[in-house]
Amino acid sequence: MANVFNRAKLGIMDADIDIQDGTFEIMLFTTAPVGGLSSALQNLTTVALVEADAAFVEATDASYTANGDTGRIVVGAITTNQDDPNDRAEADTADITYTALDSFTIKGAIVYDQTGAAGPAGDATHIPVAYYVLDQLCNGGDIILQVDAQGFLHLS
């Protein structure tokens, strides 16, 4: 399950981040924390600060183009659910497909709240929401990030 950034937790509680009606994008990393986010990393407040941290390196392969057919992708419609047996709220979305990624290994992904210009142009204002540890070699085929049946974000 995701590691949630502290700024996103506050934004959700203060209603600055609208899970159902906001615009969220996902970005991939070739270098990322293997064991999840440390306390210091959870405190990063913008995507620009995430990228400035040596623990994260966004993919730069020619097959991954920021804000194009590949690269940063807008997350589809998000639905929410109250899961009483597990004492949490869940946010879910459709699986995300990257087409024809080649020659690099995905080590992590971040979903962020797009607040301002789309893609890298808005990194100084985008709010990182959740980080996912991945380990997927790209060999030219499509990569599908499968969203768990119980959602991509849990609040408990």
C-alpha atoms as a PDB file:
ATOM      1  CA  MET A   1       0.000   0.000   0.000  1.00  0.00           C
ATOM      2  CA  ALA A   2       1.001   3.577  -0.487  1.00  0.00           C
ATOM      3  CA  ASN A   3       3.086   5.783   1.703  1.00  0.00           C
ATOM      4  CA  VAL A   4       1.085   9.014   2.061  1.00  0.00           C
ATOM      5  CA  PHE A   5       2.869  12.372   2.205  1.00  0.00           C
ATOM      6  CA  ASN A   6       2.063  14.509   5.252  1.00  0.00           C
ATOM      7  CA  ARG A   7       1.155  17.592   3.170  1.00  0.00           C
ATOM      8  CA  ALA A   8      -1.458  15.479   1.366  1.00  0.00           C
ATOM      9  CA  LYS A   9      -2.906  14.247   4.660  1.00  0.00           C
ATOM     10  CA  LEU A  10      -3.367  17.841   5.768  1.00  0.00           C
ATOM     11  CA  GLY A  11      -4.721  18.878   2.368  1.00  0.00           C
ATOM     12  CA  ILE A  12      -7.343  16.143   2.454  1.00  0.00           C
ATOM     13  CA  MET A  13      -8.390  17.062   6.006  1.00  0.00           C
ATOM     14  CA  ASP A  14      -8.522  20.792   5.185  1.00  0.00           C
ATOM     15  CA  ALA A  15     -10.375  20.088   1.903  1.00  0.00           C
ATOM     16  CA  ASP A  16      -7.547  21.742  -0.072  1.00  0.00           C
ATOM     17  CA  ILE A  17      -7.194  18.442  -1.946  1.00  0.00           C
ATOM     18  CA  ASP A  18     -10.436  17.225  -3.514  1.00  0.00           C
ATOM     19  CA  ILE A  19     -10.016  13.484  -4.039  1.00  0.00           C
ATOM     20  CA  GLN A  20     -13.130  13.076  -6.193  1.00  0.00           C
ATOM     21  CA  ASP A  21     -13.027  16.232  -8.303  1.00  0.00           C
ATOM     22  CA  GLY A  22      -9.346  17.207  -8.346  1.00  0.00           C
ATOM     23  CA  THR A  23      -6.879  16.402 -11.105  1.00  0.00           C
ATOM     24  CA  PHE A  24      -4.209  13.866 -10.202  1.00  0.00           C
ATOM     25  CA  GLU A  25      -1.220  12.749 -12.228  1.00  0.00           C
ATOM     26  CA  ILE A  26       1.222   9.881 -11.790  1.00  0.00           C
ATOM     27  CA  MET A  27       4.956   9.969 -12.446  1.00  0.00           C
ATOM     28  CA  LEU A  28       7.529   7.163 -12.568  1.00  0.00           C
ATOM     29  CA  PHE A  29      10.996   6.965 -11.049  1.00  0.00           C
ATOM     30  CA  THR A  30      14.102   4.975 -11.975  1.00  0.00           C
ATOM     31  CA  THR A  31      15.609   5.672  -8.548  1.00  0.00           C
ATOM     32  CA  ALA A  32      13.324   5.670  -5.521  1.00  0.00           C
ATOM     33  CA  PRO A  33      13.329   4.622  -1.859  1.00  0.00           C
ATOM     34  CA  VAL A  34      13.091   0.822  -1.774  1.00  0.00           C
ATOM     35  CA  GLY A  35      11.600   0.478   1.702  1.00  0.00           C
ATOM     36  CA  GLY A  36       9.075   3.266   1.450  1.00  0.00           C
ATOM     37  CA  LEU A  37       9.254   6.841   2.664  1.00  0.00           C
ATOM     38  CA  SER A  38      11.322   7.876   5.647  1.00  0.00           C
ATOM     39  CA  SER A  39       9.861  10.510   7.966  1.00  0.00           C
ATOM     40  CA  ALA A  40      11.963  13.166   6.258  1.00  0.00           C
ATOM     41  CA  LEU A  41      10.700  12.164   2.809  1.00  0.00           C
ATOM     42  CA  GLN A  42       7.084  12.116   4.024  1.00  0.00           C
ATOM     43  CA  ASN A  43       7.548  15.797   4.903  1.00  0.00           C
ATOM     44  CA  LEU A  44       8.281  16.881   1.308  1.00  0.00           C
ATOM     45  CA  THR A  45       5.529  19.316   0.298  1.00  0.00           C
ATOM     46  CA  THR A  46       5.839  19.718  -3.488  1.00  0.00           C
ATOM     47  CA  VAL A  47       6.804  17.545  -6.449  1.00  0.00           C
ATOM     48  CA  ALA A  48       9.740  19.922  -7.062  1.00  0.00           C
ATOM     49  CA  LEU A  49      11.081  19.105  -3.586  1.00  0.00           C
ATOM     50  CA  VAL A  50      10.607  15.378  -4.236  1.00  0.00           C
ATOM     51  CA  GLU A  51      12.610  15.662  -7.457  1.00  0.00           C
ATOM     52  CA  ALA A  52      15.313  17.711  -5.730  1.00  0.00           C
ATOM     53  CA  ASP A  53      15.847  14.907  -3.214  1.00  0.00           C
ATOM     54  CA  ALA A  54      18.588  12.470  -4.257  1.00  0.00           C
ATOM     55  CA  ALA A  55      16.346   9.532  -3.306  1.00  0.00           C
ATOM     56  CA  PHE A  56      14.153  10.182  -6.363  1.00  0.00           C
ATOM     57  CA  VAL A  57      15.078  10.324 -10.063  1.00  0.00           C
ATOM     58  CA  GLU A  58      12.212  10.610 -12.548  1.00  0.00           C
ATOM     59  CA  ALA A  59      12.435   8.369 -15.606  1.00  0.00           C
ATOM     60  CA  THR A  60      14.090  10.084 -18.575  1.00  0.00           C
ATOM     61  CA  ASP A  61      14.116   7.351 -21.224  1.00  0.00           C
ATOM     62  CA  ALA A  62      12.936   8.449 -24.673  1.00  0.00           C
ATOM     63  CA  SER A  63       9.948   6.113 -24.323  1.00  0.00           C
ATOM     64  CA  TYR A  64       8.803   8.058 -21.209  1.00  0.00           C
ATOM     65  CA  THR A  65       7.847  11.589 -22.227  1.00  0.00           C
ATOM     66  CA  ALA A  66       6.443  13.879 -19.564  1.00  0.00           C
ATOM     67  CA  ASN A  67       2.784  14.715 -20.170  1.00  0.00           C
ATOM     68  CA  GLY A  68       2.533  12.892 -23.500  1.00  0.00           C
ATOM     69  CA  ASP A  69       1.173   9.521 -24.519  1.00  0.00           C
ATOM     70  CA  THR A  70       3.644   8.168 -22.001  1.00  0.00           C
ATOM     71  CA  GLY A  71       5.324   9.992 -19.156  1.00  0.00           C
ATOM     72  CA  ARG A  72       3.148  11.632 -16.581  1.00  0.00           C
ATOM     73  CA  ILE A  73      -0.418  10.467 -17.002  1.00  0.00           C
ATOM     74  CA  VAL A  74      -3.616  11.966 -15.623  1.00  0.00           C
ATOM     75  CA  VAL A  75      -5.298   9.521 -13.259  1.00  0.00           C
ATOM     76  CA  GLY A  76      -8.852   8.628 -14.287  1.00  0.00           C
ATOM     77  CA  ALA A  77     -12.023   9.269 -12.330  1.00  0.00           C
ATOM     78  CA  ILE A  78     -11.670   8.550  -8.631  1.00  0.00           C
ATOM     79  CA  THR A  79     -14.357   6.948  -6.528  1.00  0.00           C
ATOM     80  CA  THR A  80     -14.413   6.738  -2.755  1.00  0.00           C
ATOM     81  CA  ASN A  81     -15.753   4.120  -0.403  1.00  0.00           C
ATOM     82  CA  GLN A  82     -16.286   3.724   3.339  1.00  0.00           C
ATOM     83  CA  ASP A  83     -14.874   0.324   4.340  1.00  0.00           C
ATOM     84  CA  ASP A  84     -16.328  -0.330   7.801  1.00  0.00           C
ATOM     85  CA  PRO A  85     -14.893  -3.859   8.306  1.00  0.00           C
ATOM     86  CA  ASN A  86     -11.369  -2.448   7.817  1.00  0.00           C
ATOM     87  CA  ASP A  87     -12.056   0.890   9.583  1.00  0.00           C
ATOM     88  CA  ARG A  88     -10.930   3.078   6.687  1.00  0.00           C
ATOM     89  CA  ALA A  89     -11.922   5.153   3.705  1.00  0.00           C
ATOM     90  CA  GLU A  90     -10.653   4.124   0.276  1.00  0.00           C
ATOM     91  CA  ALA A  91     -10.048   5.958  -2.995  1.00  0.00           C
ATOM     92  CA  ASP A  92     -10.044   3.904  -6.181  1.00  0.00           C
ATOM     93  CA  THR A  93      -9.378   4.492  -9.872  1.00  0.00           C
ATOM     94  CA  ALA A  94      -8.945   2.423 -13.025  1.00  0.00           C
ATOM     95  CA  ASP A  95      -5.645   0.728 -13.823  1.00  0.00           C
ATOM     96  CA  ILE A  96      -3.115   3.002 -15.529  1.00  0.00           C
ATOM     97  CA  THR A  97      -1.445   1.904 -18.779  1.00  0.00           C
ATOM     98  CA  TYR A  98       1.864   3.185 -20.097  1.00  0.00           C
ATOM     99  CA  THR A  99       2.408   2.208 -23.732  1.00  0.00           C
ATOM    100  CA  ALA A 100       5.676   0.827 -25.115  1.00  0.00           C
ATOM    101  CA  LEU A 101       8.058   1.733 -22.291  1.00  0.00           C
ATOM    102  CA  ASP A 102      11.570   0.543 -23.042  1.00  0.00           C
ATOM    103  CA  SER A 103      15.060   0.199 -21.584  1.00  0.00           C
ATOM    104  CA  PHE A 104      14.666   1.180 -17.942  1.00  0.00           C
ATOM    105  CA  THR A 105      13.414  -0.196 -14.651  1.00  0.00           C
ATOM    106  CA  ILE A 106      10.577   1.507 -12.780  1.00  0.00           C
ATOM    107  CA  LYS A 107      11.508   1.641  -9.092  1.00  0.00           C
ATOM    108  CA  GLY A 108       8.659   3.794  -7.816  1.00  0.00           C
ATOM    109  CA  ALA A 109       5.688   6.008  -8.639  1.00  0.00           C
ATOM    110  CA  ILE A 110       4.045   9.045  -7.095  1.00  0.00           C
ATOM    111  CA  VAL A 111       0.464  10.190  -7.475  1.00  0.00           C
ATOM    112  CA  TYR A 112       0.221  13.942  -7.015  1.00  0.00           C
ATOM    113  CA  ASP A 113      -2.457  16.611  -6.915  1.00  0.00           C
ATOM    114  CA  GLN A 114      -2.080  18.829  -9.982  1.00  0.00           C
ATOM    115  CA  THR A 115      -2.325  22.354  -8.608  1.00  0.00           C
ATOM    116  CA  GLY A 116      -1.363  24.664 -11.431  1.00  0.00           C
ATOM    117  CA  ALA A 117       0.114  23.866 -14.837  1.00  0.00           C
ATOM    118  CA  ALA A 118       0.024  20.219 -15.894  1.00  0.00           C
ATOM    119  CA  GLY A 119       3.136  18.082 -15.887  1.00  0.00           C
ATOM    120  CA  PRO A 120       6.622  19.304 -14.985  1.00  0.00           C
ATOM    121  CA  ALA A 121       5.718  22.974 -15.511  1.00  0.00           C
ATOM    122  CA  GLY A 122       3.689  22.905 -12.276  1.00  0.00           C
ATOM    123  CA  ASP A 123       6.085  20.906 -10.096  1.00  0.00           C
ATOM    124  CA  ALA A 124       6.643  23.822  -7.709  1.00  0.00           C
ATOM    125  CA  THR A 125       2.941  23.758  -6.772  1.00  0.00           C
ATOM    126  CA  HIS A 126       1.958  20.095  -7.306  1.00  0.00           C
ATOM    127  CA  ILE A 127       1.318  18.313  -3.985  1.00  0.00           C
ATOM    128  CA  PRO A 128       2.669  14.764  -3.700  1.00  0.00           C
ATOM    129  CA  VAL A 129      -0.068  12.495  -2.364  1.00  0.00           C
ATOM    130  CA  ALA A 130       1.149   8.892  -2.330  1.00  0.00           C
ATOM    131  CA  TYR A 131       4.326   6.957  -3.105  1.00  0.00           C
ATOM    132  CA  TYR A 132       4.442   3.355  -4.325  1.00  0.00           C
ATOM    133  CA  VAL A 133       7.455   1.026  -4.353  1.00  0.00           C
ATOM    134  CA  LEU A 134       7.721  -0.774  -7.696  1.00  0.00           C
ATOM    135  CA  ASP A 135      10.291  -2.938  -9.463  1.00  0.00           C
ATOM    136  CA  GLN A 136       9.324  -3.367 -13.101  1.00  0.00           C
ATOM    137  CA  LEU A 137      11.716  -3.793 -16.022  1.00  0.00           C
ATOM    138  CA  CYS A 138      10.453  -2.094 -19.186  1.00  0.00           C
ATOM    139  CA  ASN A 139      11.187  -4.054 -22.370  1.00  0.00           C
ATOM    140  CA  GLY A 140       9.188  -2.201 -25.027  1.00  0.00           C
ATOM    141  CA  GLY A 141       5.747  -3.527 -24.091  1.00  0.00           C
ATOM    142  CA  ASP A 142       2.908  -1.846 -22.282  1.00  0.00           C
ATOM    143  CA  ILE A 143       3.175  -1.447 -18.521  1.00  0.00           C
ATOM    144  CA  ILE A 144      -0.088  -1.626 -16.584  1.00  0.00           C
ATOM    145  CA  LEU A 145      -0.091  -0.250 -13.064  1.00  0.00           C
ATOM    146  CA  GLN A 146      -2.844  -2.347 -11.512  1.00  0.00           C
ATOM    147  CA  VAL A 147      -4.782  -0.540  -8.851  1.00  0.00           C
ATOM    148  CA  ASP A 148      -5.689  -2.818  -5.964  1.00  0.00           C
ATOM    149  CA  ALA A 149      -9.365  -3.789  -5.809  1.00  0.00           C
ATOM    150  CA  GLN A 150      -9.537  -1.932  -2.493  1.00  0.00           C
ATOM    151  CA  GLY A 151      -8.151   1.290  -3.965  1.00  0.00           C
ATOM    152  CA  PHE A 152      -4.911   3.182  -4.357  1.00  0.00           C
ATOM    153  CA  LEU A 153      -5.261   5.259  -1.191  1.00  0.00           C
ATOM    154  CA  HIS A 154      -6.492   4.342   2.279  1.00  0.00           C
ATOM    155  CA  LEU A 155      -7.188   6.710   5.155  1.00  0.00           C
ATOM    156  CA  SER A 156      -7.678   5.122   8.544  1.00  0.00           C
END
